[in-house]
Amino acid sequence: IHTYSLIHDDLPAIDNDDYRRGQPTCHKVFGEAVAILAGDGLLTEAFRLMTNKPAKDHSSGDEALVLGLINEVAQAAGVLGMVGGQVVDIESEGKAVDLPTVQYIHTHKTGAMILASVRVGAKLGGAKETLLKALTRYGESLGLAFQVADDVLNVEGKAALMGKKTGSDLVKGKATYPSVLGVEESKMRSKELVEMAVDALKPFGPEADPLREIARFIIAREY
């Protein structure tokens, strides 16, 4: 699902990016039509993979759990999540927007799928309600922190490290945290969000260290 979203995001009709991770984007190599179909195919393949286990391998309780998880992923990927956030992002280009609008874009366009990934993993792992709430707080903070840090990298990042042009958000008039708060305050905000994410993991011991490291990496990364 994430890869499909990047392929479509790079298309001329949306962000019109020629490079990602130092490589030509899908539509630059295979053409726009194939890129659109590749994204469509990846999205539908994701749901095939989530539903391809034979029913005989599930108990009735397992089936209800899996159905609920698929619903959560669909909500995060669709108009109530990533797609909805992307629409507001596009509609906000070149306009003066306030912080709540930018936060809405980021929590939906980027944060929704990150949060769903955390929650689905927690539920599959049998997390109790208190731990699920803690992981939900972690996922919410992590998702927003990632996009705020990404906004900053678009301003200050090095193209050679990022594998794509920087400064494009400013050129396109994108609704970003730096455009509303400035770069330095955006950096502070991303650090605060990472601290909130790590703090949410207090109920867990060393087994959650990989999650803590993921959170800290978000503001340490250069790409």
N, C-alpha and C. Protein backbone atom coordinates (compact mmCIF):
# COMPACT_ATOMS: atom_id res chain seq x y z
N ILE A 1 0.84 -1.20 0.00
CA ILE A 1 0.00 0.00 0.00
C ILE A 1 0.87 1.25 0.00
N HIS A 2 1.92 1.23 0.81
CA HIS A 2 2.82 2.39 0.87
C HIS A 2 3.49 2.61 -0.49
N THR A 3 3.95 1.54 -1.12
CA THR A 3 4.61 1.68 -2.41
C THR A 3 3.66 2.20 -3.47
N TYR A 4 2.42 1.70 -3.46
CA TYR A 4 1.42 2.22 -4.40
C TYR A 4 1.24 3.72 -4.22
N SER A 5 1.17 4.16 -2.96
CA SER A 5 0.94 5.58 -2.70
C SER A 5 2.10 6.44 -3.20
N LEU A 6 3.32 5.92 -3.11
CA LEU A 6 4.48 6.67 -3.59
C LEU A 6 4.49 6.76 -5.11
N ILE A 7 4.14 5.65 -5.77
CA ILE A 7 4.09 5.65 -7.24
C ILE A 7 3.09 6.69 -7.73
N HIS A 8 1.91 6.71 -7.12
CA HIS A 8 0.89 7.68 -7.52
C HIS A 8 1.28 9.10 -7.11
N ASP A 9 1.91 9.24 -5.96
CA ASP A 9 2.34 10.55 -5.47
C ASP A 9 3.34 11.21 -6.42
N ASP A 10 4.17 10.40 -7.05
CA ASP A 10 5.21 10.91 -7.95
C ASP A 10 4.68 11.33 -9.32
N LEU A 11 3.46 10.95 -9.65
CA LEU A 11 2.90 11.22 -10.98
C LEU A 11 2.83 12.72 -11.27
N PRO A 12 2.92 13.11 -12.55
CA PRO A 12 2.85 14.53 -12.92
C PRO A 12 1.60 15.24 -12.41
N ALA A 13 0.49 14.53 -12.30
CA ALA A 13 -0.75 15.15 -11.85
C ALA A 13 -0.74 15.48 -10.36
N ILE A 14 0.20 14.89 -9.62
CA ILE A 14 0.25 15.15 -8.17
C ILE A 14 1.54 15.89 -7.83
N ASP A 15 2.63 15.20 -7.54
CA ASP A 15 3.87 15.89 -7.15
C ASP A 15 4.87 16.06 -8.29
N ASN A 16 4.67 15.31 -9.36
CA ASN A 16 5.52 15.43 -10.55
C ASN A 16 7.01 15.30 -10.22
N ASP A 17 7.36 14.24 -9.52
CA ASP A 17 8.75 13.99 -9.15
C ASP A 17 9.41 13.00 -10.12
N ASP A 18 10.64 13.32 -10.51
CA ASP A 18 11.37 12.48 -11.46
C ASP A 18 12.23 11.42 -10.78
N TYR A 19 12.58 11.67 -9.51
CA TYR A 19 13.47 10.74 -8.80
C TYR A 19 12.93 10.42 -7.41
N ARG A 20 13.22 9.20 -6.97
CA ARG A 20 12.93 8.76 -5.60
C ARG A 20 14.05 7.81 -5.20
N ARG A 21 14.67 8.10 -4.06
CA ARG A 21 15.80 7.30 -3.57
C ARG A 21 16.92 7.18 -4.61
N GLY A 22 17.10 8.26 -5.38
CA GLY A 22 18.18 8.29 -6.34
C GLY A 22 17.91 7.55 -7.64
N GLN A 23 16.71 7.01 -7.78
CA GLN A 23 16.35 6.27 -8.99
C GLN A 23 15.18 6.97 -9.70
N PRO A 24 15.11 6.86 -11.03
CA PRO A 24 13.97 7.45 -11.74
C PRO A 24 12.65 6.86 -11.21
N THR A 25 11.66 7.72 -11.08
CA THR A 25 10.37 7.27 -10.58
C THR A 25 9.69 6.36 -11.60
N CYS A 26 8.69 5.64 -11.13
CA CYS A 26 8.05 4.60 -11.94
C CYS A 26 7.54 5.14 -13.28
N HIS A 27 6.88 6.29 -13.25
CA HIS A 27 6.31 6.80 -14.50
C HIS A 27 7.38 7.29 -15.47
N LYS A 28 8.56 7.67 -14.94
CA LYS A 28 9.65 8.09 -15.82
C LYS A 28 10.25 6.90 -16.56
N VAL A 29 10.18 5.73 -15.95
CA VAL A 29 10.74 4.52 -16.56
C VAL A 29 9.72 3.81 -17.44
N PHE A 30 8.50 3.67 -16.93
CA PHE A 30 7.50 2.84 -17.62
C PHE A 30 6.34 3.61 -18.23
N GLY A 31 6.28 4.91 -18.00
CA GLY A 31 5.18 5.71 -18.52
C GLY A 31 4.07 5.87 -17.50
N GLU A 32 3.27 6.91 -17.68
CA GLU A 32 2.23 7.23 -16.70
C GLU A 32 1.16 6.14 -16.61
N ALA A 33 0.75 5.61 -17.74
CA ALA A 33 -0.33 4.61 -17.73
C ALA A 33 0.06 3.38 -16.92
N VAL A 34 1.27 2.88 -17.15
CA VAL A 34 1.73 1.70 -16.42
C VAL A 34 1.92 2.03 -14.94
N ALA A 35 2.39 3.25 -14.64
CA ALA A 35 2.57 3.65 -13.24
C ALA A 35 1.23 3.67 -12.50
N ILE A 36 0.21 4.19 -13.16
CA ILE A 36 -1.13 4.20 -12.55
C ILE A 36 -1.60 2.78 -12.29
N LEU A 37 -1.45 1.92 -13.29
CA LEU A 37 -1.88 0.53 -13.15
C LEU A 37 -1.04 -0.21 -12.11
N ALA A 38 0.25 0.10 -12.03
CA ALA A 38 1.10 -0.53 -11.02
C ALA A 38 0.62 -0.18 -9.62
N GLY A 39 0.28 1.08 -9.41
CA GLY A 39 -0.25 1.49 -8.11
C GLY A 39 -1.57 0.81 -7.81
N ASP A 40 -2.47 0.78 -8.79
CA ASP A 40 -3.76 0.10 -8.61
C ASP A 40 -3.54 -1.37 -8.27
N GLY A 41 -2.61 -1.99 -8.98
CA GLY A 41 -2.35 -3.41 -8.75
C GLY A 41 -1.79 -3.68 -7.37
N LEU A 42 -0.88 -2.83 -6.90
CA LEU A 42 -0.29 -3.01 -5.57
C LEU A 42 -1.34 -2.85 -4.48
N LEU A 43 -2.23 -1.88 -4.64
CA LEU A 43 -3.27 -1.67 -3.63
C LEU A 43 -4.19 -2.89 -3.54
N THR A 44 -4.65 -3.38 -4.67
CA THR A 44 -5.55 -4.54 -4.64
C THR A 44 -4.81 -5.80 -4.20
N GLU A 45 -3.53 -5.91 -4.56
CA GLU A 45 -2.74 -7.07 -4.13
C GLU A 45 -2.60 -7.10 -2.61
N ALA A 46 -2.52 -5.93 -2.00
CA ALA A 46 -2.42 -5.88 -0.54
C ALA A 46 -3.64 -6.53 0.11
N PHE A 47 -4.81 -6.25 -0.43
CA PHE A 47 -6.02 -6.83 0.15
C PHE A 47 -6.16 -8.31 -0.20
N ARG A 48 -5.64 -8.71 -1.35
CA ARG A 48 -5.62 -10.15 -1.66
C ARG A 48 -4.75 -10.89 -0.65
N LEU A 49 -3.60 -10.32 -0.34
CA LEU A 49 -2.69 -10.96 0.62
C LEU A 49 -3.32 -11.05 2.00
N MET A 50 -4.09 -10.04 2.37
CA MET A 50 -4.71 -10.04 3.70
C MET A 50 -5.87 -11.02 3.80
N THR A 51 -6.37 -11.48 2.67
CA THR A 51 -7.56 -12.34 2.70
C THR A 51 -7.33 -13.71 2.08
N ASN A 52 -6.09 -14.08 1.79
CA ASN A 52 -5.87 -15.30 1.01
C ASN A 52 -5.70 -16.56 1.85
N LYS A 53 -5.79 -16.46 3.18
CA LYS A 53 -5.67 -17.66 4.00
C LYS A 53 -7.00 -18.40 4.00
N PRO A 54 -7.01 -19.68 3.75
CA PRO A 54 -8.27 -20.44 3.71
C PRO A 54 -9.07 -20.30 5.00
N ALA A 55 -10.38 -20.24 4.85
CA ALA A 55 -11.25 -20.06 6.01
C ALA A 55 -11.08 -21.18 7.03
N LYS A 56 -10.76 -22.39 6.57
CA LYS A 56 -10.61 -23.53 7.48
C LYS A 56 -9.45 -23.32 8.47
N ASP A 57 -8.54 -22.40 8.13
CA ASP A 57 -7.40 -22.15 9.01
C ASP A 57 -7.72 -21.15 10.11
N HIS A 58 -8.93 -20.60 10.08
CA HIS A 58 -9.32 -19.60 11.07
C HIS A 58 -10.43 -20.15 11.96
N SER A 59 -10.39 -19.78 13.23
CA SER A 59 -11.56 -19.98 14.08
C SER A 59 -12.49 -18.80 13.83
N SER A 60 -13.72 -18.89 14.33
CA SER A 60 -14.66 -17.79 14.12
C SER A 60 -14.14 -16.50 14.75
N GLY A 61 -13.45 -16.63 15.89
CA GLY A 61 -12.88 -15.46 16.54
C GLY A 61 -11.78 -14.85 15.72
N ASP A 62 -10.95 -15.70 15.11
CA ASP A 62 -9.87 -15.21 14.26
C ASP A 62 -10.43 -14.47 13.05
N GLU A 63 -11.50 -15.02 12.47
CA GLU A 63 -12.09 -14.40 11.29
C GLU A 63 -12.60 -13.00 11.61
N ALA A 64 -13.24 -12.85 12.76
CA ALA A 64 -13.74 -11.54 13.17
C ALA A 64 -12.59 -10.56 13.39
N LEU A 65 -11.51 -11.05 13.98
CA LEU A 65 -10.33 -10.20 14.21
C LEU A 65 -9.73 -9.75 12.89
N VAL A 66 -9.52 -10.70 11.98
CA VAL A 66 -8.91 -10.38 10.69
C VAL A 66 -9.78 -9.41 9.90
N LEU A 67 -11.09 -9.62 9.92
CA LEU A 67 -12.00 -8.72 9.21
C LEU A 67 -11.90 -7.31 9.78
N GLY A 68 -11.82 -7.21 11.09
CA GLY A 68 -11.69 -5.90 11.72
C GLY A 68 -10.39 -5.21 11.36
N LEU A 69 -9.32 -5.99 11.27
CA LEU A 69 -8.02 -5.43 10.92
C LEU A 69 -7.99 -4.95 9.47
N ILE A 70 -8.61 -5.72 8.58
CA ILE A 70 -8.69 -5.32 7.18
C ILE A 70 -9.48 -4.02 7.06
N ASN A 71 -10.55 -3.92 7.83
CA ASN A 71 -11.35 -2.69 7.84
C ASN A 71 -10.52 -1.50 8.31
N GLU A 72 -9.68 -1.72 9.32
CA GLU A 72 -8.84 -0.64 9.85
C GLU A 72 -7.81 -0.19 8.81
N VAL A 73 -7.22 -1.14 8.11
CA VAL A 73 -6.25 -0.80 7.06
C VAL A 73 -6.95 -0.05 5.92
N ALA A 74 -8.14 -0.52 5.53
CA ALA A 74 -8.88 0.13 4.44
C ALA A 74 -9.23 1.57 4.81
N GLN A 75 -9.63 1.77 6.05
CA GLN A 75 -9.97 3.12 6.50
C GLN A 75 -8.74 4.03 6.47
N ALA A 76 -7.61 3.50 6.91
CA ALA A 76 -6.37 4.29 6.93
C ALA A 76 -5.89 4.64 5.53
N ALA A 77 -6.13 3.74 4.57
CA ALA A 77 -5.64 3.94 3.21
C ALA A 77 -6.58 4.77 2.35
N GLY A 78 -7.85 4.83 2.72
CA GLY A 78 -8.86 5.43 1.87
C GLY A 78 -9.20 6.88 2.15
N VAL A 79 -10.45 7.24 1.85
CA VAL A 79 -10.86 8.64 1.93
C VAL A 79 -10.88 9.16 3.36
N LEU A 80 -11.00 8.27 4.33
CA LEU A 80 -10.97 8.69 5.73
C LEU A 80 -9.55 8.79 6.27
N GLY A 81 -8.58 8.43 5.44
CA GLY A 81 -7.19 8.46 5.87
C GLY A 81 -6.29 9.07 4.82
N MET A 82 -5.42 8.23 4.25
CA MET A 82 -4.37 8.70 3.34
C MET A 82 -4.92 9.46 2.13
N VAL A 83 -5.90 8.91 1.45
CA VAL A 83 -6.44 9.57 0.26
C VAL A 83 -7.10 10.89 0.62
N GLY A 84 -7.85 10.89 1.71
CA GLY A 84 -8.49 12.14 2.15
C GLY A 84 -7.47 13.21 2.47
N GLY A 85 -6.40 12.83 3.16
CA GLY A 85 -5.34 13.78 3.47
C GLY A 85 -4.67 14.31 2.23
N GLN A 86 -4.49 13.44 1.24
CA GLN A 86 -3.86 13.84 -0.01
C GLN A 86 -4.72 14.86 -0.75
N VAL A 87 -6.03 14.66 -0.71
CA VAL A 87 -6.94 15.60 -1.37
C VAL A 87 -6.82 16.99 -0.75
N VAL A 88 -6.84 17.06 0.58
CA VAL A 88 -6.71 18.35 1.26
C VAL A 88 -5.35 18.97 0.98
N ASP A 89 -4.33 18.13 0.89
CA ASP A 89 -2.98 18.60 0.55
C ASP A 89 -2.99 19.29 -0.82
N ILE A 90 -3.59 18.64 -1.80
CA ILE A 90 -3.64 19.20 -3.15
C ILE A 90 -4.46 20.49 -3.17
N GLU A 91 -5.60 20.47 -2.49
CA GLU A 91 -6.48 21.64 -2.48
C GLU A 91 -5.87 22.83 -1.74
N SER A 92 -4.88 22.56 -0.89
CA SER A 92 -4.26 23.62 -0.08
C SER A 92 -3.05 24.26 -0.76
N GLU A 93 -2.61 23.70 -1.88
CA GLU A 93 -1.42 24.23 -2.56
C GLU A 93 -1.62 25.69 -2.96
N GLY A 94 -0.62 26.50 -2.64
CA GLY A 94 -0.65 27.91 -3.02
C GLY A 94 -1.56 28.77 -2.19
N LYS A 95 -2.12 28.20 -1.11
CA LYS A 95 -3.04 28.95 -0.25
C LYS A 95 -2.43 29.15 1.13
N ALA A 96 -2.86 30.20 1.80
CA ALA A 96 -2.46 30.41 3.19
C ALA A 96 -3.30 29.50 4.07
N VAL A 97 -2.66 28.60 4.79
CA VAL A 97 -3.40 27.65 5.63
C VAL A 97 -2.94 27.79 7.08
N ASP A 98 -3.80 27.37 8.00
CA ASP A 98 -3.45 27.43 9.41
C ASP A 98 -2.87 26.09 9.87
N LEU A 99 -2.38 26.06 11.09
CA LEU A 99 -1.73 24.86 11.61
C LEU A 99 -2.69 23.66 11.70
N PRO A 100 -3.95 23.85 12.15
CA PRO A 100 -4.86 22.70 12.18
C PRO A 100 -5.05 22.04 10.81
N THR A 101 -5.03 22.83 9.75
CA THR A 101 -5.17 22.26 8.40
C THR A 101 -3.96 21.42 8.05
N VAL A 102 -2.76 21.95 8.34
CA VAL A 102 -1.53 21.20 8.06
C VAL A 102 -1.50 19.92 8.89
N GLN A 103 -1.92 20.02 10.15
CA GLN A 103 -1.93 18.84 11.01
C GLN A 103 -2.92 17.80 10.48
N TYR A 104 -4.06 18.26 9.99
CA TYR A 104 -5.04 17.34 9.40
C TYR A 104 -4.43 16.61 8.21
N ILE A 105 -3.77 17.36 7.33
CA ILE A 105 -3.14 16.76 6.16
C ILE A 105 -2.14 15.69 6.58
N HIS A 106 -1.27 16.05 7.51
CA HIS A 106 -0.19 15.15 7.90
C HIS A 106 -0.69 13.91 8.64
N THR A 107 -1.65 14.09 9.53
CA THR A 107 -2.14 12.93 10.29
C THR A 107 -2.94 11.98 9.41
N HIS A 108 -3.47 12.48 8.31
CA HIS A 108 -4.23 11.61 7.41
C HIS A 108 -3.36 11.10 6.27
N LYS A 109 -2.65 12.00 5.60
CA LYS A 109 -1.86 11.60 4.43
C LYS A 109 -0.74 10.63 4.79
N THR A 110 -0.09 10.88 5.91
CA THR A 110 1.05 10.07 6.33
C THR A 110 0.77 9.28 7.60
N GLY A 111 0.24 9.95 8.60
CA GLY A 111 0.08 9.33 9.91
C GLY A 111 -0.89 8.17 9.97
N ALA A 112 -1.93 8.21 9.14
CA ALA A 112 -2.98 7.18 9.24
C ALA A 112 -2.44 5.78 8.99
N MET A 113 -1.60 5.62 7.97
CA MET A 113 -1.07 4.29 7.66
C MET A 113 -0.02 3.84 8.68
N ILE A 114 0.75 4.79 9.20
CA ILE A 114 1.72 4.44 10.25
C ILE A 114 0.97 3.99 11.50
N LEU A 115 -0.07 4.72 11.87
CA LEU A 115 -0.87 4.34 13.04
C LEU A 115 -1.52 2.98 12.83
N ALA A 116 -2.07 2.74 11.65
CA ALA A 116 -2.71 1.45 11.37
C ALA A 116 -1.70 0.32 11.47
N SER A 117 -0.49 0.54 10.99
CA SER A 117 0.54 -0.50 11.06
C SER A 117 0.84 -0.88 12.50
N VAL A 118 0.91 0.14 13.36
CA VAL A 118 1.19 -0.12 14.78
C VAL A 118 0.02 -0.85 15.43
N ARG A 119 -1.18 -0.37 15.19
CA ARG A 119 -2.36 -0.95 15.84
C ARG A 119 -2.65 -2.37 15.35
N VAL A 120 -2.50 -2.60 14.06
CA VAL A 120 -2.75 -3.95 13.53
C VAL A 120 -1.76 -4.94 14.12
N GLY A 121 -0.49 -4.55 14.19
CA GLY A 121 0.51 -5.42 14.81
C GLY A 121 0.20 -5.71 16.26
N ALA A 122 -0.25 -4.67 16.97
CA ALA A 122 -0.59 -4.84 18.39
C ALA A 122 -1.76 -5.80 18.57
N LYS A 123 -2.77 -5.64 17.73
CA LYS A 123 -3.95 -6.51 17.85
C LYS A 123 -3.62 -7.95 17.48
N LEU A 124 -2.83 -8.13 16.44
CA LEU A 124 -2.42 -9.48 16.07
C LEU A 124 -1.58 -10.13 17.16
N GLY A 125 -0.86 -9.30 17.90
CA GLY A 125 -0.04 -9.80 19.00
C GLY A 125 -0.82 -10.01 20.28
N GLY A 126 -2.12 -9.74 20.25
CA GLY A 126 -2.97 -9.97 21.42
C GLY A 126 -2.84 -8.92 22.51
N ALA A 127 -2.51 -7.69 22.14
CA ALA A 127 -2.33 -6.62 23.13
C ALA A 127 -3.62 -6.35 23.89
N LYS A 128 -3.50 -6.21 25.21
CA LYS A 128 -4.64 -5.83 26.03
C LYS A 128 -4.99 -4.36 25.76
N GLU A 129 -6.17 -3.95 26.21
CA GLU A 129 -6.67 -2.62 25.90
C GLU A 129 -5.74 -1.51 26.37
N THR A 130 -5.18 -1.64 27.57
CA THR A 130 -4.29 -0.59 28.08
C THR A 130 -3.03 -0.45 27.22
N LEU A 131 -2.50 -1.58 26.78
CA LEU A 131 -1.30 -1.54 25.94
C LEU A 131 -1.64 -1.06 24.53
N LEU A 132 -2.83 -1.41 24.05
CA LEU A 132 -3.26 -0.94 22.74
C LEU A 132 -3.39 0.58 22.74
N LYS A 133 -3.91 1.13 23.83
CA LYS A 133 -4.03 2.59 23.94
C LYS A 133 -2.65 3.24 23.94
N ALA A 134 -1.72 2.63 24.64
CA ALA A 134 -0.35 3.16 24.69
C ALA A 134 0.28 3.14 23.30
N LEU A 135 0.09 2.04 22.59
CA LEU A 135 0.65 1.92 21.25
C LEU A 135 -0.06 2.84 20.25
N THR A 136 -1.33 3.11 20.49
CA THR A 136 -2.05 4.07 19.66
C THR A 136 -1.46 5.46 19.82
N ARG A 137 -1.18 5.85 21.06
CA ARG A 137 -0.53 7.15 21.30
C ARG A 137 0.85 7.19 20.63
N TYR A 138 1.55 6.08 20.71
CA TYR A 138 2.87 5.99 20.06
C TYR A 138 2.72 6.19 18.55
N GLY A 139 1.79 5.46 17.94
CA GLY A 139 1.60 5.53 16.49
C GLY A 139 1.17 6.90 16.02
N GLU A 140 0.29 7.55 16.78
CA GLU A 140 -0.17 8.89 16.41
C GLU A 140 0.99 9.89 16.43
N SER A 141 1.78 9.84 17.50
CA SER A 141 2.91 10.76 17.63
C SER A 141 3.98 10.46 16.58
N LEU A 142 4.22 9.18 16.35
CA LEU A 142 5.23 8.77 15.38
C LEU A 142 4.87 9.23 13.97
N GLY A 143 3.61 9.02 13.59
CA GLY A 143 3.17 9.38 12.25
C GLY A 143 3.31 10.86 11.96
N LEU A 144 2.90 11.69 12.93
CA LEU A 144 3.00 13.13 12.74
C LEU A 144 4.46 13.58 12.77
N ALA A 145 5.24 13.01 13.68
CA ALA A 145 6.67 13.36 13.78
C ALA A 145 7.38 13.07 12.46
N PHE A 146 7.06 11.95 11.85
CA PHE A 146 7.71 11.57 10.59
C PHE A 146 7.47 12.63 9.53
N GLN A 147 6.22 13.08 9.39
CA GLN A 147 5.92 14.02 8.32
C GLN A 147 6.47 15.41 8.61
N VAL A 148 6.46 15.82 9.88
CA VAL A 148 7.06 17.12 10.23
C VAL A 148 8.55 17.10 9.90
N ALA A 149 9.22 16.01 10.27
CA ALA A 149 10.65 15.87 9.96
C ALA A 149 10.87 15.85 8.45
N ASP A 150 9.96 15.23 7.73
CA ASP A 150 10.05 15.18 6.27
C ASP A 150 9.93 16.58 5.67
N ASP A 151 9.03 17.38 6.24
CA ASP A 151 8.88 18.77 5.80
C ASP A 151 10.19 19.54 5.96
N VAL A 152 10.84 19.34 7.10
CA VAL A 152 12.11 20.03 7.38
C VAL A 152 13.19 19.57 6.40
N LEU A 153 13.23 18.27 6.14
CA LEU A 153 14.22 17.74 5.20
C LEU A 153 14.02 18.30 3.79
N ASN A 154 12.78 18.58 3.43
CA ASN A 154 12.52 19.15 2.11
C ASN A 154 13.11 20.55 1.98
N VAL A 155 13.29 21.21 3.14
CA VAL A 155 13.88 22.54 3.15
C VAL A 155 15.40 22.47 3.28
N GLU A 156 15.87 21.65 4.23
CA GLU A 156 17.29 21.64 4.58
C GLU A 156 18.06 20.41 4.09
N GLY A 157 17.36 19.39 3.66
CA GLY A 157 18.02 18.14 3.27
C GLY A 157 18.91 18.29 2.05
N LYS A 158 19.86 17.38 1.94
CA LYS A 158 20.77 17.36 0.79
C LYS A 158 20.22 16.41 -0.27
N ALA A 159 20.10 16.92 -1.47
CA ALA A 159 19.52 16.12 -2.56
C ALA A 159 20.29 14.82 -2.78
N ALA A 160 21.60 14.85 -2.61
CA ALA A 160 22.42 13.65 -2.83
C ALA A 160 22.07 12.55 -1.84
N LEU A 161 21.74 12.94 -0.61
CA LEU A 161 21.37 11.96 0.41
C LEU A 161 19.92 11.52 0.27
N MET A 162 19.06 12.44 -0.08
CA MET A 162 17.64 12.14 -0.17
C MET A 162 17.27 11.43 -1.46
N GLY A 163 18.12 11.57 -2.47
CA GLY A 163 17.84 10.90 -3.74
C GLY A 163 16.76 11.54 -4.55
N LYS A 164 16.46 12.81 -4.25
CA LYS A 164 15.47 13.56 -5.02
C LYS A 164 15.70 15.04 -4.77
N LYS A 165 15.04 15.88 -5.58
CA LYS A 165 15.20 17.31 -5.42
C LYS A 165 14.63 17.77 -4.09
N THR A 166 15.29 18.74 -3.48
CA THR A 166 14.76 19.35 -2.26
C THR A 166 14.23 20.74 -2.61
N GLY A 167 13.47 21.32 -1.69
CA GLY A 167 12.92 22.64 -1.91
C GLY A 167 11.65 22.66 -2.73
N SER A 168 11.16 21.48 -3.10
CA SER A 168 9.98 21.42 -3.97
C SER A 168 8.71 21.88 -3.26
N ASP A 169 8.63 21.68 -1.95
CA ASP A 169 7.43 22.10 -1.21
C ASP A 169 7.23 23.60 -1.31
N LEU A 170 8.32 24.35 -1.17
CA LEU A 170 8.24 25.81 -1.26
C LEU A 170 7.84 26.25 -2.65
N VAL A 171 8.43 25.63 -3.67
CA VAL A 171 8.13 25.98 -5.06
C VAL A 171 6.65 25.74 -5.38
N LYS A 172 6.11 24.63 -4.87
CA LYS A 172 4.73 24.26 -5.16
C LYS A 172 3.73 24.91 -4.21
N GLY A 173 4.22 25.62 -3.20
CA GLY A 173 3.32 26.25 -2.24
C GLY A 173 2.58 25.24 -1.39
N LYS A 174 3.28 24.16 -1.01
CA LYS A 174 2.67 23.10 -0.21
C LYS A 174 2.37 23.56 1.22
N ALA A 175 1.34 22.98 1.79
CA ALA A 175 1.00 23.24 3.19
C ALA A 175 1.89 22.36 4.07
N THR A 176 2.88 22.96 4.71
CA THR A 176 3.83 22.22 5.54
C THR A 176 4.01 22.91 6.88
N TYR A 177 4.63 22.20 7.81
CA TYR A 177 4.93 22.81 9.11
C TYR A 177 5.88 23.99 8.97
N PRO A 178 6.99 23.89 8.21
CA PRO A 178 7.86 25.05 8.05
C PRO A 178 7.16 26.26 7.43
N SER A 179 6.21 26.03 6.55
CA SER A 179 5.51 27.16 5.91
C SER A 179 4.63 27.89 6.91
N VAL A 180 4.23 27.21 7.97
CA VAL A 180 3.37 27.83 8.98
C VAL A 180 4.16 28.25 10.22
N LEU A 181 5.05 27.39 10.69
CA LEU A 181 5.78 27.64 11.93
C LEU A 181 7.22 28.10 11.73
N GLY A 182 7.77 27.88 10.55
CA GLY A 182 9.19 28.11 10.34
C GLY A 182 9.98 26.84 10.61
N VAL A 183 11.20 26.80 10.13
CA VAL A 183 12.01 25.59 10.21
C VAL A 183 12.38 25.23 11.64
N GLU A 184 12.87 26.20 12.41
CA GLU A 184 13.36 25.90 13.76
C GLU A 184 12.25 25.41 14.67
N GLU A 185 11.10 26.07 14.62
CA GLU A 185 9.99 25.63 15.46
C GLU A 185 9.47 24.26 15.00
N SER A 186 9.54 24.00 13.71
CA SER A 186 9.14 22.69 13.20
C SER A 186 10.06 21.60 13.72
N LYS A 187 11.36 21.90 13.79
CA LYS A 187 12.31 20.94 14.36
C LYS A 187 11.98 20.65 15.81
N MET A 188 11.67 21.70 16.56
CA MET A 188 11.30 21.52 17.97
C MET A 188 10.04 20.67 18.09
N ARG A 189 9.09 20.92 17.20
CA ARG A 189 7.83 20.17 17.24
C ARG A 189 8.07 18.69 16.95
N SER A 190 8.92 18.39 15.97
CA SER A 190 9.19 16.99 15.65
C SER A 190 9.87 16.29 16.82
N LYS A 191 10.77 17.00 17.51
CA LYS A 191 11.43 16.42 18.69
C LYS A 191 10.43 16.16 19.80
N GLU A 192 9.51 17.10 20.01
CA GLU A 192 8.47 16.92 21.04
C GLU A 192 7.61 15.70 20.72
N LEU A 193 7.26 15.54 19.47
CA LEU A 193 6.42 14.40 19.06
C LEU A 193 7.15 13.08 19.25
N VAL A 194 8.45 13.06 18.97
CA VAL A 194 9.24 11.85 19.20
C VAL A 194 9.30 11.54 20.69
N GLU A 195 9.47 12.56 21.51
CA GLU A 195 9.48 12.36 22.96
C GLU A 195 8.14 11.81 23.43
N MET A 196 7.06 12.30 22.85
CA MET A 196 5.73 11.80 23.19
C MET A 196 5.58 10.33 22.79
N ALA A 197 6.12 9.99 21.62
CA ALA A 197 6.05 8.60 21.15
C ALA A 197 6.82 7.68 22.09
N VAL A 198 8.02 8.08 22.46
CA VAL A 198 8.84 7.26 23.36
C VAL A 198 8.18 7.17 24.73
N ASP A 199 7.62 8.28 25.19
CA ASP A 199 6.96 8.30 26.50
C ASP A 199 5.76 7.36 26.54
N ALA A 200 5.08 7.22 25.41
CA ALA A 200 3.91 6.34 25.34
C ALA A 200 4.29 4.88 25.56
N LEU A 201 5.57 4.56 25.38
CA LEU A 201 6.03 3.17 25.52
C LEU A 201 6.46 2.82 26.94
N LYS A 202 6.21 3.70 27.89
CA LYS A 202 6.61 3.44 29.28
C LYS A 202 6.07 2.12 29.84
N PRO A 203 4.85 1.70 29.46
CA PRO A 203 4.35 0.43 30.00
C PRO A 203 5.15 -0.79 29.53
N PHE A 204 6.01 -0.61 28.53
CA PHE A 204 6.76 -1.73 27.97
C PHE A 204 8.20 -1.72 28.47
N GLY A 205 8.79 -2.89 28.46
CA GLY A 205 10.19 -3.03 28.84
C GLY A 205 11.10 -2.99 27.63
N PRO A 206 12.24 -3.68 27.72
CA PRO A 206 13.22 -3.68 26.62
C PRO A 206 12.67 -4.25 25.31
N GLU A 207 11.58 -5.03 25.41
CA GLU A 207 11.03 -5.61 24.17
C GLU A 207 10.54 -4.53 23.21
N ALA A 208 10.30 -3.31 23.72
CA ALA A 208 9.85 -2.22 22.86
C ALA A 208 10.99 -1.32 22.40
N ASP A 209 12.22 -1.71 22.68
CA ASP A 209 13.37 -0.88 22.27
C ASP A 209 13.43 -0.63 20.76
N PRO A 210 13.10 -1.63 19.92
CA PRO A 210 13.09 -1.34 18.48
C PRO A 210 12.12 -0.21 18.11
N LEU A 211 10.98 -0.15 18.80
CA LEU A 211 10.03 0.94 18.54
C LEU A 211 10.60 2.28 18.99
N ARG A 212 11.31 2.26 20.10
CA ARG A 212 11.95 3.50 20.58
C ARG A 212 13.01 3.98 19.59
N GLU A 213 13.77 3.04 19.06
CA GLU A 213 14.82 3.40 18.11
C GLU A 213 14.23 3.94 16.81
N ILE A 214 13.11 3.37 16.38
CA ILE A 214 12.43 3.88 15.19
C ILE A 214 12.04 5.33 15.39
N ALA A 215 11.48 5.63 16.56
CA ALA A 215 11.06 7.01 16.86
C ALA A 215 12.24 7.96 16.84
N ARG A 216 13.33 7.57 17.47
CA ARG A 216 14.51 8.45 17.53
C ARG A 216 15.16 8.63 16.16
N PHE A 217 15.07 7.59 15.35
CA PHE A 217 15.66 7.67 14.00
C PHE A 217 14.97 8.73 13.15
N ILE A 218 13.70 8.95 13.40
CA ILE A 218 12.92 9.88 12.58
C ILE A 218 13.55 11.27 12.55
N ILE A 219 14.05 11.74 13.70
CA ILE A 219 14.63 13.08 13.72
C ILE A 219 16.15 13.06 13.51
N ALA A 220 16.74 11.87 13.49
CA ALA A 220 18.18 11.77 13.26
C ALA A 220 18.50 11.55 11.78
N ARG A 221 17.52 11.08 11.01
CA ARG A 221 17.76 10.71 9.62
C ARG A 221 18.09 11.93 8.75
N GLU A 222 18.78 11.66 7.68
CA GLU A 222 19.13 12.70 6.72
C GLU A 222 18.51 12.43 5.35
N TYR A 223 17.59 11.47 5.31
CA TYR A 223 16.94 11.12 4.04
C TYR A 223 15.53 10.65 4.30
